[in-house]
Amino acid sequence: DVPRRVPVLATPPLPAFEGRLFPSASLGLPYSVREPSTSELTRESN
């Protein structure tokens, strides 16, 4: 399962936020664990 999950973690909607909004991604966990809502993404971009 891990190897199949790598491509998904390596291609987040906003690569610039990787490791910041998705700390679990660096641990190899599913992205859905720390997936932010649309409002959170908007707040970070502003």
PDB file of N, CA and C in Angstrom:
ATOM      1  N   ASP A   1       0.836  -1.214   0.000  1.00  0.00           N
ATOM      2  CA  ASP A   1       0.000   0.000   0.000  1.00  0.00           C
ATOM      3  C   ASP A   1       0.865   1.256   0.000  1.00  0.00           C
ATOM      4  N   VAL A   2       1.960   1.228   0.741  1.00  0.00           N
ATOM      5  CA  VAL A   2       2.806   2.420   0.847  1.00  0.00           C
ATOM      6  C   VAL A   2       3.323   2.893  -0.515  1.00  0.00           C
ATOM      7  N   PRO A   3       3.927   2.009  -1.320  1.00  0.00           N
ATOM      8  CA  PRO A   3       4.444   2.442  -2.625  1.00  0.00           C
ATOM      9  C   PRO A   3       3.360   3.048  -3.506  1.00  0.00           C
ATOM     10  N   ARG A   4       2.143   2.513  -3.420  1.00  0.00           N
ATOM     11  CA  ARG A   4       1.048   3.033  -4.237  1.00  0.00           C
ATOM     12  C   ARG A   4       0.602   4.400  -3.745  1.00  0.00           C
ATOM     13  N   ARG A   5       0.839   4.681  -2.479  1.00  0.00           N
ATOM     14  CA  ARG A   5       0.378   5.929  -1.882  1.00  0.00           C
ATOM     15  C   ARG A   5       1.372   7.064  -2.143  1.00  0.00           C
ATOM     16  N   VAL A   6       2.617   6.721  -2.436  1.00  0.00           N
ATOM     17  CA  VAL A   6       3.658   7.732  -2.631  1.00  0.00           C
ATOM     18  C   VAL A   6       3.298   8.759  -3.708  1.00  0.00           C
ATOM     19  N   PRO A   7       2.866   8.325  -4.911  1.00  0.00           N
ATOM     20  CA  PRO A   7       2.530   9.290  -5.959  1.00  0.00           C
ATOM     21  C   PRO A   7       1.461  10.294  -5.515  1.00  0.00           C
ATOM     22  N   VAL A   8       0.505   9.828  -4.731  1.00  0.00           N
ATOM     23  CA  VAL A   8      -0.561  10.710  -4.255  1.00  0.00           C
ATOM     24  C   VAL A   8       0.004  11.762  -3.301  1.00  0.00           C
ATOM     25  N   LEU A   9       0.902  11.329  -2.430  1.00  0.00           N
ATOM     26  CA  LEU A   9       1.492  12.257  -1.471  1.00  0.00           C
ATOM     27  C   LEU A   9       2.449  13.223  -2.153  1.00  0.00           C
ATOM     28  N   ALA A  10       3.052  12.774  -3.238  1.00  0.00           N
ATOM     29  CA  ALA A  10       4.037  13.604  -3.931  1.00  0.00           C
ATOM     30  C   ALA A  10       3.368  14.630  -4.829  1.00  0.00           C
ATOM     31  N   THR A  11       2.047  14.501  -5.016  1.00  0.00           N
ATOM     32  CA  THR A  11       1.356  15.452  -5.886  1.00  0.00           C
ATOM     33  C   THR A  11       0.152  16.067  -5.178  1.00  0.00           C
ATOM     34  N   PRO A  12       0.387  16.910  -4.180  1.00  0.00           N
ATOM     35  CA  PRO A  12      -0.700  17.570  -3.466  1.00  0.00           C
ATOM     36  C   PRO A  12      -1.288  18.690  -4.317  1.00  0.00           C
ATOM     37  N   PRO A  13      -2.510  19.144  -4.026  1.00  0.00           N
ATOM     38  CA  PRO A  13      -3.126  20.241  -4.769  1.00  0.00           C
ATOM     39  C   PRO A  13      -2.255  21.490  -4.758  1.00  0.00           C
ATOM     40  N   LEU A  14      -1.626  21.745  -3.603  1.00  0.00           N
ATOM     41  CA  LEU A  14      -0.752  22.909  -3.476  1.00  0.00           C
ATOM     42  C   LEU A  14       0.607  22.454  -2.948  1.00  0.00           C
ATOM     43  N   PRO A  15       1.558  22.127  -3.844  1.00  0.00           N
ATOM     44  CA  PRO A  15       2.873  21.620  -3.436  1.00  0.00           C
ATOM     45  C   PRO A  15       3.577  22.554  -2.454  1.00  0.00           C
ATOM     46  N   ALA A  16       3.309  23.846  -2.555  1.00  0.00           N
ATOM     47  CA  ALA A  16       3.985  24.817  -1.703  1.00  0.00           C
ATOM     48  C   ALA A  16       3.592  24.634  -0.236  1.00  0.00           C
ATOM     49  N   PHE A  17       2.433  24.042  -0.027  1.00  0.00           N
ATOM     50  CA  PHE A  17       1.948  23.867   1.337  1.00  0.00           C
ATOM     51  C   PHE A  17       2.358  22.522   1.917  1.00  0.00           C
ATOM     52  N   GLU A  18       3.025  21.728   1.108  1.00  0.00           N
ATOM     53  CA  GLU A  18       3.412  20.396   1.584  1.00  0.00           C
ATOM     54  C   GLU A  18       4.364  20.513   2.775  1.00  0.00           C
ATOM     55  N   GLY A  19       4.109  19.754   3.825  1.00  0.00           N
ATOM     56  CA  GLY A  19       4.934  19.813   5.017  1.00  0.00           C
ATOM     57  C   GLY A  19       4.437  20.854   5.997  1.00  0.00           C
ATOM     58  N   ARG A  20       3.612  21.797   5.502  1.00  0.00           N
ATOM     59  CA  ARG A  20       3.096  22.825   6.392  1.00  0.00           C
ATOM     60  C   ARG A  20       1.651  22.509   6.768  1.00  0.00           C
ATOM     61  N   LEU A  21       0.823  22.358   5.727  1.00  0.00           N
ATOM     62  CA  LEU A  21      -0.565  21.992   5.986  1.00  0.00           C
ATOM     63  C   LEU A  21      -0.730  20.483   6.047  1.00  0.00           C
ATOM     64  N   PHE A  22       0.264  19.771   5.483  1.00  0.00           N
ATOM     65  CA  PHE A  22       0.180  18.324   5.440  1.00  0.00           C
ATOM     66  C   PHE A  22       1.406  17.694   6.093  1.00  0.00           C
ATOM     67  N   PRO A  23       1.599  17.882   7.397  1.00  0.00           N
ATOM     68  CA  PRO A  23       2.757  17.324   8.084  1.00  0.00           C
ATOM     69  C   PRO A  23       2.735  15.803   8.072  1.00  0.00           C
ATOM     70  N   SER A  24       1.540  15.235   8.013  1.00  0.00           N
ATOM     71  CA  SER A  24       1.421  13.781   8.022  1.00  0.00           C
ATOM     72  C   SER A  24       1.968  13.180   6.734  1.00  0.00           C
ATOM     73  N   ALA A  25       2.010  13.989   5.669  1.00  0.00           N
ATOM     74  CA  ALA A  25       2.492  13.502   4.374  1.00  0.00           C
ATOM     75  C   ALA A  25       3.963  13.091   4.480  1.00  0.00           C
ATOM     76  N   SER A  26       4.732  13.839   5.248  1.00  0.00           N
ATOM     77  CA  SER A  26       6.152  13.511   5.392  1.00  0.00           C
ATOM     78  C   SER A  26       6.330  12.199   6.145  1.00  0.00           C
ATOM     79  N   LEU A  27       5.309  11.814   6.893  1.00  0.00           N
ATOM     80  CA  LEU A  27       5.380  10.570   7.654  1.00  0.00           C
ATOM     81  C   LEU A  27       4.897   9.392   6.824  1.00  0.00           C
ATOM     82  N   GLY A  28       4.417   9.682   5.612  1.00  0.00           N
ATOM     83  CA  GLY A  28       3.959   8.610   4.738  1.00  0.00           C
ATOM     84  C   GLY A  28       2.525   8.193   5.026  1.00  0.00           C
ATOM     85  N   LEU A  29       1.780   9.059   5.709  1.00  0.00           N
ATOM     86  CA  LEU A  29       0.391   8.747   6.012  1.00  0.00           C
ATOM     87  C   LEU A  29      -0.510   9.272   4.890  1.00  0.00           C
ATOM     88  N   PRO A  30      -1.730   8.763   4.818  1.00  0.00           N
ATOM     89  CA  PRO A  30      -2.675   9.244   3.801  1.00  0.00           C
ATOM     90  C   PRO A  30      -2.886  10.753   3.900  1.00  0.00           C
ATOM     91  N   TYR A  31      -2.983  11.395   2.744  1.00  0.00           N
ATOM     92  CA  TYR A  31      -3.120  12.851   2.715  1.00  0.00           C
ATOM     93  C   TYR A  31      -4.396  13.308   3.405  1.00  0.00           C
ATOM     94  N   SER A  32      -5.417  12.451   3.370  1.00  0.00           N
ATOM     95  CA  SER A  32      -6.710  12.815   3.932  1.00  0.00           C
ATOM     96  C   SER A  32      -6.631  13.047   5.441  1.00  0.00           C
ATOM     97  N   VAL A  33      -5.536  12.601   6.058  1.00  0.00           N
ATOM     98  CA  VAL A  33      -5.392  12.736   7.499  1.00  0.00           C
ATOM     99  C   VAL A  33      -5.350  14.200   7.910  1.00  0.00           C
ATOM    100  N   ARG A  34      -4.640  15.011   7.140  1.00  0.00           N
ATOM    101  CA  ARG A  34      -4.507  16.422   7.482  1.00  0.00           C
ATOM    102  C   ARG A  34      -4.909  17.322   6.315  1.00  0.00           C
ATOM    103  N   GLU A  35      -5.896  16.878   5.546  1.00  0.00           N
ATOM    104  CA  GLU A  35      -6.335  17.692   4.409  1.00  0.00           C
ATOM    105  C   GLU A  35      -7.130  18.895   4.906  1.00  0.00           C
ATOM    106  N   PRO A  36      -6.679  20.105   4.622  1.00  0.00           N
ATOM    107  CA  PRO A  36      -7.339  21.325   5.091  1.00  0.00           C
ATOM    108  C   PRO A  36      -8.602  21.605   4.292  1.00  0.00           C
ATOM    109  N   SER A  37      -9.506  22.378   4.865  1.00  0.00           N
ATOM    110  CA  SER A  37     -10.719  22.747   4.157  1.00  0.00           C
ATOM    111  C   SER A  37     -10.436  23.900   3.199  1.00  0.00           C
ATOM    112  N   THR A  38     -11.397  24.232   2.358  1.00  0.00           N
ATOM    113  CA  THR A  38     -11.213  25.313   1.384  1.00  0.00           C
ATOM    114  C   THR A  38     -10.944  26.635   2.092  1.00  0.00           C
ATOM    115  N   SER A  39     -11.608  26.855   3.223  1.00  0.00           N
ATOM    116  CA  SER A  39     -11.426  28.106   3.964  1.00  0.00           C
ATOM    117  C   SER A  39     -10.006  28.219   4.491  1.00  0.00           C
ATOM    118  N   GLU A  40      -9.442  27.081   4.927  1.00  0.00           N
ATOM    119  CA  GLU A  40      -8.076  27.092   5.452  1.00  0.00           C
ATOM    120  C   GLU A  40      -7.079  27.397   4.342  1.00  0.00           C
ATOM    121  N   LEU A  41      -7.328  26.845   3.158  1.00  0.00           N
ATOM    122  CA  LEU A  41      -6.435  27.096   2.030  1.00  0.00           C
ATOM    123  C   LEU A  41      -6.489  28.565   1.641  1.00  0.00           C
ATOM    124  N   THR A  42      -7.693  29.126   1.672  1.00  0.00           N
ATOM    125  CA  THR A  42      -7.857  30.537   1.302  1.00  0.00           C
ATOM    126  C   THR A  42      -7.160  31.437   2.313  1.00  0.00           C
ATOM    127  N   ARG A  43      -7.264  31.056   3.595  1.00  0.00           N
ATOM    128  CA  ARG A  43      -6.651  31.870   4.647  1.00  0.00           C
ATOM    129  C   ARG A  43      -5.132  31.874   4.506  1.00  0.00           C
ATOM    130  N   GLU A  44      -4.559  30.719   4.128  1.00  0.00           N
ATOM    131  CA  GLU A  44      -3.113  30.623   3.975  1.00  0.00           C
ATOM    132  C   GLU A  44      -2.632  31.407   2.758  1.00  0.00           C
ATOM    133  N   SER A  45      -3.429  31.402   1.676  1.00  0.00           N
ATOM    134  CA  SER A  45      -2.993  32.094   0.464  1.00  0.00           C
ATOM    135  C   SER A  45      -3.024  33.600   0.659  1.00  0.00           C
ATOM    136  N   ASN A  46      -3.945  34.085   1.513  1.00  0.00           N
ATOM    137  CA  ASN A  46      -4.071  35.536   1.692  1.00  0.00           C
ATOM    138  C   ASN A  46      -2.992  36.095   2.601  1.00  0.00           C
TER     139      ASN A  46
END
